[in-house]
Amino acid sequence: MISVEITNCIVRKTLVDQGSLVDILFWNTFRQLDISDSELLPHDDPLFDFTREIVGTKECTWLYTKFNHEQPQQRGLKTQYVIVHAYTSYNILLGCLSLNALGVIVSTPHLAMKFPSNTRSIITIHADQRITRECYMESLKLSPLMNDESCQAMHYVEIMAGVERSEELKQDLRTNDDN
């Protein structure tokens, strides 16, 4: 878990996920950043979570994101975030697009990532182990059936309802499950 700076706000609980193809900003975080809805662009491509469930998306936005914001050596990147309405203990999920654009090398055992700065020196960001543990424990407690009243104690966003799978997709998933 690292923190980044977006629109002059420090956003903690940012998950570095090398397995995600997109960068995700969760809806509640978008609201807390106080960004105008006029910054939202249409985005109709569905995402698939690790259980092959479809996660519907409606919007995306481009935001300038600063990495290593608390140190003299920083690096910024204009990032396209897909806005996702989902329960989560994280605020942002950084995927391959941003990680590759930065040239990041991740060391999971060390909870660290390294990438070159604009001056060709190496920036190292260490994850906060306490926050990483807290987010992991929160994610184990999440229930997909929680309503808004029960979500006040932790950072949640609303889940998107009514996502339907096409018959073609259902058949593809069944075929993959058989293999």
N, C-alpha and C. Protein backbone atom coordinates (compact mmCIF):
# COMPACT_ATOMS: atom_id res chain seq x y z
N MET A 1 0.84 -1.16 0.00
CA MET A 1 0.00 0.00 0.00
C MET A 1 0.89 1.24 0.00
N ILE A 2 0.71 2.07 -0.99
CA ILE A 2 1.47 3.31 -1.05
C ILE A 2 0.48 4.47 -1.02
N SER A 3 1.01 5.68 -1.02
CA SER A 3 0.15 6.85 -1.15
C SER A 3 0.63 7.65 -2.35
N VAL A 4 -0.29 8.32 -3.00
CA VAL A 4 0.01 9.17 -4.15
C VAL A 4 -0.68 10.52 -3.94
N GLU A 5 -0.29 11.48 -4.74
CA GLU A 5 -0.93 12.80 -4.66
C GLU A 5 -1.71 13.04 -5.95
N ILE A 6 -2.99 13.37 -5.77
CA ILE A 6 -3.87 13.70 -6.89
C ILE A 6 -4.64 14.96 -6.51
N THR A 7 -4.68 15.93 -7.39
CA THR A 7 -5.39 17.20 -7.18
C THR A 7 -5.09 17.79 -5.80
N ASN A 8 -3.82 17.84 -5.44
CA ASN A 8 -3.36 18.38 -4.16
C ASN A 8 -3.91 17.64 -2.95
N CYS A 9 -4.28 16.40 -3.11
CA CYS A 9 -4.74 15.55 -2.01
C CYS A 9 -3.85 14.32 -1.93
N ILE A 10 -3.51 13.94 -0.72
CA ILE A 10 -2.76 12.70 -0.51
C ILE A 10 -3.77 11.56 -0.44
N VAL A 11 -3.61 10.59 -1.33
CA VAL A 11 -4.52 9.44 -1.37
C VAL A 11 -3.75 8.22 -0.88
N ARG A 12 -4.09 7.79 0.32
CA ARG A 12 -3.48 6.60 0.90
C ARG A 12 -4.27 5.37 0.46
N LYS A 13 -3.84 4.23 0.88
CA LYS A 13 -4.50 2.97 0.52
C LYS A 13 -4.56 2.79 -0.99
N THR A 14 -3.42 3.01 -1.65
CA THR A 14 -3.30 2.81 -3.08
C THR A 14 -2.62 1.46 -3.30
N LEU A 15 -3.34 0.55 -3.92
CA LEU A 15 -2.84 -0.80 -4.14
C LEU A 15 -2.07 -0.87 -5.45
N VAL A 16 -0.87 -1.40 -5.42
CA VAL A 16 -0.07 -1.64 -6.62
C VAL A 16 -0.38 -3.07 -7.06
N ASP A 17 -1.02 -3.21 -8.22
CA ASP A 17 -1.49 -4.50 -8.69
C ASP A 17 -0.95 -4.78 -10.09
N GLN A 18 0.11 -5.56 -10.16
CA GLN A 18 0.73 -5.88 -11.44
C GLN A 18 -0.16 -6.76 -12.32
N GLY A 19 -1.20 -7.34 -11.75
CA GLY A 19 -2.09 -8.20 -12.52
C GLY A 19 -3.27 -7.47 -13.13
N SER A 20 -3.43 -6.20 -12.82
CA SER A 20 -4.55 -5.44 -13.37
C SER A 20 -4.10 -4.71 -14.63
N LEU A 21 -4.94 -4.76 -15.65
CA LEU A 21 -4.60 -4.10 -16.90
C LEU A 21 -4.96 -2.62 -16.90
N VAL A 22 -5.79 -2.20 -15.96
CA VAL A 22 -6.22 -0.79 -15.93
C VAL A 22 -5.95 -0.19 -14.55
N ASP A 23 -5.96 1.13 -14.51
CA ASP A 23 -5.85 1.86 -13.25
C ASP A 23 -7.26 2.21 -12.82
N ILE A 24 -7.58 1.93 -11.56
CA ILE A 24 -8.94 2.08 -11.08
C ILE A 24 -8.99 3.10 -9.95
N LEU A 25 -9.94 4.00 -10.05
CA LEU A 25 -10.25 4.95 -8.98
C LEU A 25 -11.66 4.61 -8.52
N PHE A 26 -11.81 4.30 -7.25
CA PHE A 26 -13.12 3.91 -6.76
C PHE A 26 -13.99 5.14 -6.54
N TRP A 27 -15.29 4.97 -6.75
CA TRP A 27 -16.25 6.07 -6.79
C TRP A 27 -16.19 6.95 -5.55
N ASN A 28 -16.15 6.35 -4.38
CA ASN A 28 -16.13 7.13 -3.14
C ASN A 28 -14.88 8.01 -3.07
N THR A 29 -13.77 7.49 -3.53
CA THR A 29 -12.53 8.27 -3.56
C THR A 29 -12.66 9.42 -4.54
N PHE A 30 -13.25 9.17 -5.70
CA PHE A 30 -13.48 10.23 -6.68
C PHE A 30 -14.28 11.36 -6.05
N ARG A 31 -15.32 11.01 -5.32
CA ARG A 31 -16.16 12.02 -4.65
C ARG A 31 -15.36 12.79 -3.60
N GLN A 32 -14.53 12.10 -2.83
CA GLN A 32 -13.75 12.75 -1.79
C GLN A 32 -12.69 13.69 -2.35
N LEU A 33 -12.24 13.44 -3.57
CA LEU A 33 -11.26 14.33 -4.20
C LEU A 33 -11.90 15.62 -4.69
N ASP A 34 -13.22 15.68 -4.63
CA ASP A 34 -13.97 16.88 -5.00
C ASP A 34 -13.68 17.30 -6.45
N ILE A 35 -13.66 16.33 -7.33
CA ILE A 35 -13.46 16.57 -8.76
C ILE A 35 -14.82 16.76 -9.40
N SER A 36 -14.91 17.70 -10.29
CA SER A 36 -16.17 18.00 -10.97
C SER A 36 -16.59 16.82 -11.84
N ASP A 37 -17.89 16.57 -11.89
CA ASP A 37 -18.42 15.52 -12.76
C ASP A 37 -18.14 15.81 -14.23
N SER A 38 -17.86 17.06 -14.56
CA SER A 38 -17.56 17.41 -15.96
C SER A 38 -16.22 16.80 -16.40
N GLU A 39 -15.40 16.33 -15.45
CA GLU A 39 -14.13 15.68 -15.77
C GLU A 39 -14.33 14.22 -16.19
N LEU A 40 -15.54 13.69 -15.97
CA LEU A 40 -15.81 12.29 -16.30
C LEU A 40 -16.06 12.12 -17.79
N LEU A 41 -15.49 11.07 -18.33
CA LEU A 41 -15.68 10.71 -19.74
C LEU A 41 -16.38 9.36 -19.80
N PRO A 42 -17.17 9.12 -20.85
CA PRO A 42 -17.85 7.82 -20.94
C PRO A 42 -16.85 6.67 -21.08
N HIS A 43 -17.16 5.57 -20.45
CA HIS A 43 -16.33 4.36 -20.54
C HIS A 43 -17.25 3.17 -20.43
N ASP A 44 -17.44 2.45 -21.53
CA ASP A 44 -18.42 1.37 -21.56
C ASP A 44 -17.82 -0.02 -21.51
N ASP A 45 -16.51 -0.12 -21.48
CA ASP A 45 -15.88 -1.44 -21.48
C ASP A 45 -15.98 -2.08 -20.10
N PRO A 46 -16.54 -3.28 -20.01
CA PRO A 46 -16.62 -3.95 -18.70
C PRO A 46 -15.26 -4.46 -18.27
N LEU A 47 -15.09 -4.61 -16.98
CA LEU A 47 -13.89 -5.21 -16.41
C LEU A 47 -14.26 -6.58 -15.85
N PHE A 48 -13.28 -7.46 -15.76
CA PHE A 48 -13.50 -8.76 -15.16
C PHE A 48 -12.65 -8.86 -13.91
N ASP A 49 -13.27 -9.27 -12.79
CA ASP A 49 -12.48 -9.45 -11.58
C ASP A 49 -11.85 -10.84 -11.62
N PHE A 50 -11.11 -11.19 -10.57
CA PHE A 50 -10.37 -12.45 -10.59
C PHE A 50 -11.27 -13.68 -10.54
N THR A 51 -12.55 -13.52 -10.26
CA THR A 51 -13.48 -14.64 -10.28
C THR A 51 -14.24 -14.71 -11.60
N ARG A 52 -13.81 -13.90 -12.57
CA ARG A 52 -14.42 -13.80 -13.89
C ARG A 52 -15.80 -13.15 -13.87
N GLU A 53 -16.14 -12.49 -12.80
CA GLU A 53 -17.39 -11.73 -12.74
C GLU A 53 -17.19 -10.41 -13.47
N ILE A 54 -18.25 -9.93 -14.10
CA ILE A 54 -18.18 -8.65 -14.81
C ILE A 54 -18.40 -7.53 -13.82
N VAL A 55 -17.54 -6.53 -13.88
CA VAL A 55 -17.70 -5.31 -13.11
C VAL A 55 -18.00 -4.21 -14.12
N GLY A 56 -19.20 -3.67 -14.05
CA GLY A 56 -19.59 -2.64 -15.00
C GLY A 56 -18.90 -1.32 -14.71
N THR A 57 -18.60 -0.60 -15.76
CA THR A 57 -18.02 0.74 -15.63
C THR A 57 -18.82 1.69 -16.48
N LYS A 58 -18.90 2.93 -16.04
CA LYS A 58 -19.62 3.94 -16.81
C LYS A 58 -18.72 5.10 -17.20
N GLU A 59 -17.72 5.39 -16.35
CA GLU A 59 -16.92 6.58 -16.56
C GLU A 59 -15.44 6.30 -16.38
N CYS A 60 -14.66 7.24 -16.91
CA CYS A 60 -13.22 7.28 -16.65
C CYS A 60 -12.82 8.74 -16.59
N THR A 61 -11.62 9.00 -16.11
CA THR A 61 -11.13 10.37 -16.03
C THR A 61 -9.61 10.36 -16.09
N TRP A 62 -9.03 11.44 -16.57
CA TRP A 62 -7.58 11.60 -16.61
C TRP A 62 -7.18 12.52 -15.46
N LEU A 63 -6.26 12.05 -14.61
CA LEU A 63 -5.80 12.84 -13.48
C LEU A 63 -4.28 12.78 -13.38
N TYR A 64 -3.68 13.91 -13.05
CA TYR A 64 -2.24 13.95 -12.85
C TYR A 64 -1.94 13.35 -11.48
N THR A 65 -1.08 12.34 -11.46
CA THR A 65 -0.77 11.60 -10.24
C THR A 65 0.72 11.75 -9.94
N LYS A 66 1.02 12.19 -8.71
CA LYS A 66 2.42 12.32 -8.28
C LYS A 66 2.80 11.13 -7.41
N PHE A 67 3.97 10.58 -7.71
CA PHE A 67 4.52 9.47 -6.95
C PHE A 67 5.72 9.97 -6.15
N ASN A 68 5.88 9.45 -4.94
CA ASN A 68 6.96 9.85 -4.03
C ASN A 68 6.80 11.33 -3.66
N HIS A 69 5.57 11.75 -3.47
CA HIS A 69 5.22 13.17 -3.26
C HIS A 69 5.84 13.76 -2.00
N GLU A 70 6.23 12.93 -1.05
CA GLU A 70 6.76 13.44 0.22
C GLU A 70 8.27 13.64 0.19
N GLN A 71 8.90 13.32 -0.92
CA GLN A 71 10.35 13.39 -1.03
C GLN A 71 10.76 14.40 -2.12
N PRO A 72 12.02 14.86 -2.09
CA PRO A 72 12.47 15.80 -3.11
C PRO A 72 12.43 15.20 -4.53
N GLN A 73 12.78 13.91 -4.65
CA GLN A 73 12.72 13.25 -5.95
C GLN A 73 11.31 12.72 -6.17
N GLN A 74 10.57 13.34 -7.10
CA GLN A 74 9.20 12.95 -7.39
C GLN A 74 9.07 12.64 -8.87
N ARG A 75 7.97 12.04 -9.20
CA ARG A 75 7.66 11.83 -10.61
C ARG A 75 6.16 11.87 -10.75
N GLY A 76 5.69 12.56 -11.78
CA GLY A 76 4.27 12.67 -12.04
C GLY A 76 3.90 12.00 -13.35
N LEU A 77 2.64 11.65 -13.45
CA LEU A 77 2.16 10.93 -14.62
C LEU A 77 0.68 11.24 -14.81
N LYS A 78 0.30 11.61 -16.03
CA LYS A 78 -1.12 11.78 -16.32
C LYS A 78 -1.70 10.38 -16.53
N THR A 79 -2.66 10.04 -15.70
CA THR A 79 -3.17 8.67 -15.62
C THR A 79 -4.65 8.63 -15.95
N GLN A 80 -5.03 7.66 -16.77
CA GLN A 80 -6.45 7.43 -17.03
C GLN A 80 -6.96 6.42 -16.01
N TYR A 81 -7.89 6.88 -15.17
CA TYR A 81 -8.50 6.01 -14.17
C TYR A 81 -9.90 5.63 -14.62
N VAL A 82 -10.20 4.35 -14.55
CA VAL A 82 -11.56 3.88 -14.76
C VAL A 82 -12.26 4.00 -13.41
N ILE A 83 -13.43 4.62 -13.41
CA ILE A 83 -14.19 4.79 -12.16
C ILE A 83 -15.03 3.54 -11.95
N VAL A 84 -14.86 2.93 -10.78
CA VAL A 84 -15.57 1.69 -10.47
C VAL A 84 -16.40 1.89 -9.22
N HIS A 85 -17.64 1.45 -9.29
CA HIS A 85 -18.55 1.47 -8.15
C HIS A 85 -18.48 0.08 -7.53
N ALA A 86 -17.76 -0.05 -6.41
CA ALA A 86 -17.59 -1.37 -5.79
C ALA A 86 -17.21 -1.21 -4.33
N TYR A 87 -17.49 -2.25 -3.55
CA TYR A 87 -17.02 -2.31 -2.17
C TYR A 87 -15.51 -2.54 -2.21
N THR A 88 -14.78 -1.83 -1.40
CA THR A 88 -13.34 -2.03 -1.37
C THR A 88 -12.74 -1.41 -0.12
N SER A 89 -11.58 -1.92 0.27
CA SER A 89 -10.85 -1.29 1.37
C SER A 89 -9.75 -0.39 0.82
N TYR A 90 -9.65 -0.30 -0.51
CA TYR A 90 -8.64 0.52 -1.17
C TYR A 90 -9.27 1.78 -1.77
N ASN A 91 -8.44 2.77 -2.05
CA ASN A 91 -8.92 3.98 -2.72
C ASN A 91 -8.61 3.96 -4.22
N ILE A 92 -7.44 3.44 -4.56
CA ILE A 92 -6.98 3.39 -5.94
C ILE A 92 -6.31 2.05 -6.16
N LEU A 93 -6.43 1.54 -7.37
CA LEU A 93 -5.71 0.36 -7.78
C LEU A 93 -4.85 0.76 -8.98
N LEU A 94 -3.54 0.72 -8.82
CA LEU A 94 -2.62 1.05 -9.92
C LEU A 94 -2.28 -0.22 -10.66
N GLY A 95 -2.58 -0.25 -11.95
CA GLY A 95 -2.34 -1.42 -12.76
C GLY A 95 -1.14 -1.26 -13.67
N CYS A 96 -1.03 -2.18 -14.62
CA CYS A 96 0.12 -2.23 -15.52
C CYS A 96 0.34 -0.96 -16.32
N LEU A 97 -0.73 -0.27 -16.71
CA LEU A 97 -0.54 0.92 -17.54
C LEU A 97 0.34 1.96 -16.86
N SER A 98 0.02 2.30 -15.63
CA SER A 98 0.83 3.29 -14.90
C SER A 98 2.18 2.72 -14.52
N LEU A 99 2.19 1.49 -14.06
CA LEU A 99 3.44 0.88 -13.62
C LEU A 99 4.43 0.78 -14.77
N ASN A 100 3.96 0.40 -15.95
CA ASN A 100 4.85 0.31 -17.11
C ASN A 100 5.28 1.69 -17.59
N ALA A 101 4.38 2.67 -17.55
CA ALA A 101 4.73 4.03 -17.97
C ALA A 101 5.82 4.62 -17.07
N LEU A 102 5.78 4.26 -15.80
CA LEU A 102 6.80 4.73 -14.86
C LEU A 102 8.09 3.90 -14.94
N GLY A 103 8.02 2.70 -15.48
CA GLY A 103 9.16 1.80 -15.50
C GLY A 103 9.40 1.16 -14.15
N VAL A 104 8.32 0.80 -13.47
CA VAL A 104 8.38 0.31 -12.10
C VAL A 104 8.88 -1.14 -12.04
N ILE A 105 9.72 -1.39 -11.05
CA ILE A 105 10.11 -2.74 -10.65
C ILE A 105 9.54 -2.92 -9.25
N VAL A 106 8.71 -3.95 -9.06
CA VAL A 106 8.06 -4.19 -7.77
C VAL A 106 8.74 -5.35 -7.06
N SER A 107 8.98 -5.17 -5.78
CA SER A 107 9.47 -6.25 -4.93
C SER A 107 8.42 -6.50 -3.85
N THR A 108 7.61 -7.52 -4.06
CA THR A 108 6.54 -7.84 -3.12
C THR A 108 7.06 -8.21 -1.74
N PRO A 109 8.11 -9.05 -1.62
CA PRO A 109 8.58 -9.38 -0.27
C PRO A 109 9.08 -8.17 0.52
N HIS A 110 9.58 -7.17 -0.19
CA HIS A 110 10.09 -5.97 0.47
C HIS A 110 9.05 -4.86 0.57
N LEU A 111 7.86 -5.11 0.05
CA LEU A 111 6.80 -4.09 -0.01
C LEU A 111 7.37 -2.77 -0.54
N ALA A 112 8.04 -2.87 -1.69
CA ALA A 112 8.69 -1.70 -2.26
C ALA A 112 8.58 -1.72 -3.79
N MET A 113 8.72 -0.54 -4.36
CA MET A 113 8.82 -0.43 -5.81
C MET A 113 9.86 0.62 -6.15
N LYS A 114 10.54 0.41 -7.28
CA LYS A 114 11.58 1.33 -7.72
C LYS A 114 11.30 1.72 -9.16
N PHE A 115 11.63 2.97 -9.48
CA PHE A 115 11.49 3.45 -10.85
C PHE A 115 12.39 4.67 -11.04
N PRO A 116 12.74 4.97 -12.29
CA PRO A 116 13.63 6.11 -12.53
C PRO A 116 12.90 7.44 -12.37
N SER A 117 13.63 8.43 -11.85
CA SER A 117 13.09 9.78 -11.77
C SER A 117 13.35 10.48 -13.11
N ASN A 118 12.89 11.70 -13.24
CA ASN A 118 13.14 12.47 -14.46
C ASN A 118 14.61 12.84 -14.61
N THR A 119 15.36 12.81 -13.50
CA THR A 119 16.79 13.14 -13.54
C THR A 119 17.65 11.88 -13.61
N ARG A 120 17.05 10.73 -13.88
CA ARG A 120 17.73 9.45 -14.04
C ARG A 120 18.23 8.82 -12.75
N SER A 121 17.89 9.39 -11.60
CA SER A 121 18.19 8.71 -10.35
C SER A 121 17.05 7.72 -10.09
N ILE A 122 17.23 6.87 -9.09
CA ILE A 122 16.22 5.84 -8.81
C ILE A 122 15.39 6.25 -7.60
N ILE A 123 14.08 6.21 -7.77
CA ILE A 123 13.14 6.50 -6.69
C ILE A 123 12.68 5.18 -6.11
N THR A 124 12.71 5.07 -4.79
CA THR A 124 12.21 3.88 -4.09
C THR A 124 11.05 4.29 -3.20
N ILE A 125 9.94 3.60 -3.36
CA ILE A 125 8.77 3.84 -2.51
C ILE A 125 8.51 2.57 -1.73
N HIS A 126 8.46 2.70 -0.42
CA HIS A 126 8.15 1.56 0.45
C HIS A 126 6.69 1.66 0.88
N ALA A 127 6.01 0.53 0.84
CA ALA A 127 4.62 0.49 1.28
C ALA A 127 4.57 0.57 2.80
N ASP A 128 3.47 1.08 3.30
CA ASP A 128 3.24 1.13 4.74
C ASP A 128 2.69 -0.22 5.18
N GLN A 129 3.50 -0.96 5.93
CA GLN A 129 3.12 -2.32 6.31
C GLN A 129 1.86 -2.35 7.17
N ARG A 130 1.70 -1.39 8.07
CA ARG A 130 0.53 -1.35 8.94
C ARG A 130 -0.74 -1.14 8.11
N ILE A 131 -0.71 -0.18 7.19
CA ILE A 131 -1.89 0.09 6.35
C ILE A 131 -2.17 -1.10 5.43
N THR A 132 -1.12 -1.72 4.92
CA THR A 132 -1.29 -2.90 4.07
C THR A 132 -2.01 -4.01 4.83
N ARG A 133 -1.60 -4.24 6.07
CA ARG A 133 -2.23 -5.26 6.90
C ARG A 133 -3.69 -4.89 7.20
N GLU A 134 -3.93 -3.61 7.52
CA GLU A 134 -5.30 -3.16 7.82
C GLU A 134 -6.22 -3.36 6.61
N CYS A 135 -5.75 -2.99 5.42
CA CYS A 135 -6.57 -3.15 4.22
C CYS A 135 -6.85 -4.62 3.93
N TYR A 136 -5.86 -5.45 4.14
CA TYR A 136 -6.06 -6.88 3.94
C TYR A 136 -7.12 -7.41 4.90
N MET A 137 -7.03 -7.02 6.17
CA MET A 137 -8.00 -7.48 7.16
C MET A 137 -9.40 -6.94 6.84
N GLU A 138 -9.49 -5.68 6.41
CA GLU A 138 -10.78 -5.11 6.02
C GLU A 138 -11.36 -5.86 4.83
N SER A 139 -10.51 -6.22 3.87
CA SER A 139 -11.02 -6.90 2.68
C SER A 139 -11.58 -8.27 3.02
N LEU A 140 -11.08 -8.90 4.07
CA LEU A 140 -11.62 -10.19 4.49
C LEU A 140 -13.01 -10.06 5.11
N LYS A 141 -13.31 -8.86 5.64
CA LYS A 141 -14.59 -8.63 6.30
C LYS A 141 -15.67 -8.15 5.35
N LEU A 142 -15.32 -7.74 4.14
CA LEU A 142 -16.29 -7.16 3.22
C LEU A 142 -17.35 -8.17 2.84
N SER A 143 -18.56 -7.71 2.76
CA SER A 143 -19.67 -8.55 2.33
C SER A 143 -20.34 -7.88 1.14
N PRO A 144 -20.58 -8.61 0.06
CA PRO A 144 -21.21 -7.99 -1.11
C PRO A 144 -22.65 -7.58 -0.87
N LEU A 145 -23.24 -8.00 0.23
CA LEU A 145 -24.64 -7.68 0.50
C LEU A 145 -24.82 -6.53 1.47
N MET A 146 -23.75 -5.84 1.84
CA MET A 146 -23.87 -4.74 2.80
C MET A 146 -24.65 -3.58 2.18
N ASN A 147 -25.46 -2.95 3.01
CA ASN A 147 -26.15 -1.76 2.54
C ASN A 147 -25.40 -0.52 3.01
N ASP A 148 -25.81 0.65 2.56
CA ASP A 148 -25.08 1.88 2.84
C ASP A 148 -24.99 2.19 4.34
N GLU A 149 -26.01 1.84 5.13
CA GLU A 149 -25.99 2.14 6.56
C GLU A 149 -24.90 1.36 7.28
N SER A 150 -24.62 0.14 6.82
CA SER A 150 -23.61 -0.67 7.50
C SER A 150 -22.20 -0.34 7.05
N CYS A 151 -22.04 0.58 6.12
CA CYS A 151 -20.73 0.86 5.54
C CYS A 151 -20.09 2.12 6.11
N GLN A 152 -20.57 2.64 7.21
CA GLN A 152 -20.05 3.90 7.71
C GLN A 152 -18.72 3.76 8.43
N ALA A 153 -18.40 2.60 8.98
CA ALA A 153 -17.19 2.45 9.77
C ALA A 153 -15.93 2.36 8.92
N MET A 154 -16.03 1.81 7.72
CA MET A 154 -14.87 1.64 6.86
C MET A 154 -15.09 2.38 5.55
N HIS A 155 -14.04 2.47 4.77
CA HIS A 155 -14.11 3.12 3.46
C HIS A 155 -14.77 2.17 2.48
N TYR A 156 -15.98 2.46 2.06
CA TYR A 156 -16.68 1.66 1.07
C TYR A 156 -17.19 2.57 -0.03
N VAL A 157 -17.50 1.97 -1.13
CA VAL A 157 -18.23 2.66 -2.18
C VAL A 157 -19.39 1.77 -2.58
N GLU A 158 -20.38 2.35 -3.23
CA GLU A 158 -21.55 1.56 -3.56
C GLU A 158 -21.25 0.55 -4.66
N ILE A 159 -21.94 -0.58 -4.60
CA ILE A 159 -21.74 -1.61 -5.61
C ILE A 159 -22.72 -1.35 -6.75
N MET A 160 -22.30 -1.62 -7.94
CA MET A 160 -23.14 -1.39 -9.11
C MET A 160 -24.01 -2.62 -9.33
N ALA A 161 -25.28 -2.41 -9.45
CA ALA A 161 -26.21 -3.52 -9.62
C ALA A 161 -26.67 -3.61 -11.07
N GLY A 162 -27.24 -4.73 -11.41
CA GLY A 162 -27.89 -4.88 -12.71
C GLY A 162 -26.95 -5.19 -13.86
N VAL A 163 -25.76 -5.71 -13.60
CA VAL A 163 -24.85 -6.06 -14.68
C VAL A 163 -25.22 -7.46 -15.15
N GLU A 164 -25.52 -7.58 -16.39
CA GLU A 164 -25.93 -8.86 -16.96
C GLU A 164 -24.86 -9.39 -17.90
N ARG A 165 -24.67 -10.67 -17.91
CA ARG A 165 -23.75 -11.30 -18.84
C ARG A 165 -24.50 -11.65 -20.12
N SER A 166 -23.86 -11.48 -21.24
CA SER A 166 -24.45 -11.91 -22.50
C SER A 166 -24.38 -13.42 -22.57
N GLU A 167 -25.23 -14.03 -23.37
CA GLU A 167 -25.23 -15.48 -23.52
C GLU A 167 -23.90 -15.95 -24.10
N GLU A 168 -23.32 -15.16 -25.02
CA GLU A 168 -22.04 -15.52 -25.62
C GLU A 168 -20.95 -15.56 -24.56
N LEU A 169 -20.93 -14.58 -23.66
CA LEU A 169 -19.93 -14.54 -22.60
C LEU A 169 -20.13 -15.71 -21.64
N LYS A 170 -21.38 -16.01 -21.29
CA LYS A 170 -21.64 -17.15 -20.40
C LYS A 170 -21.11 -18.45 -21.01
N GLN A 171 -21.30 -18.61 -22.33
CA GLN A 171 -20.81 -19.81 -23.01
C GLN A 171 -19.29 -19.85 -22.99
N ASP A 172 -18.62 -18.71 -23.23
CA ASP A 172 -17.15 -18.65 -23.19
C ASP A 172 -16.64 -19.03 -21.80
N LEU A 173 -17.29 -18.54 -20.75
CA LEU A 173 -16.86 -18.85 -19.40
C LEU A 173 -17.05 -20.32 -19.08
N ARG A 174 -18.17 -20.91 -19.54
CA ARG A 174 -18.39 -22.33 -19.32
C ARG A 174 -17.34 -23.15 -20.04
N THR A 175 -16.99 -22.76 -21.26
CA THR A 175 -15.96 -23.46 -22.04
C THR A 175 -14.62 -23.39 -21.33
N ASN A 176 -14.26 -22.21 -20.80
CA ASN A 176 -13.00 -22.06 -20.07
C ASN A 176 -12.99 -22.87 -18.79
N ASP A 177 -14.12 -22.97 -18.11
CA ASP A 177 -14.20 -23.74 -16.88
C ASP A 177 -14.03 -25.24 -17.14
N ASP A 178 -14.50 -25.71 -18.32
CA ASP A 178 -14.37 -27.12 -18.67
C ASP A 178 -12.93 -27.49 -18.98
N ASN A 179 -12.13 -26.52 -19.39
CA ASN A 179 -10.73 -26.82 -19.79
C ASN A 179 -9.83 -26.84 -18.64
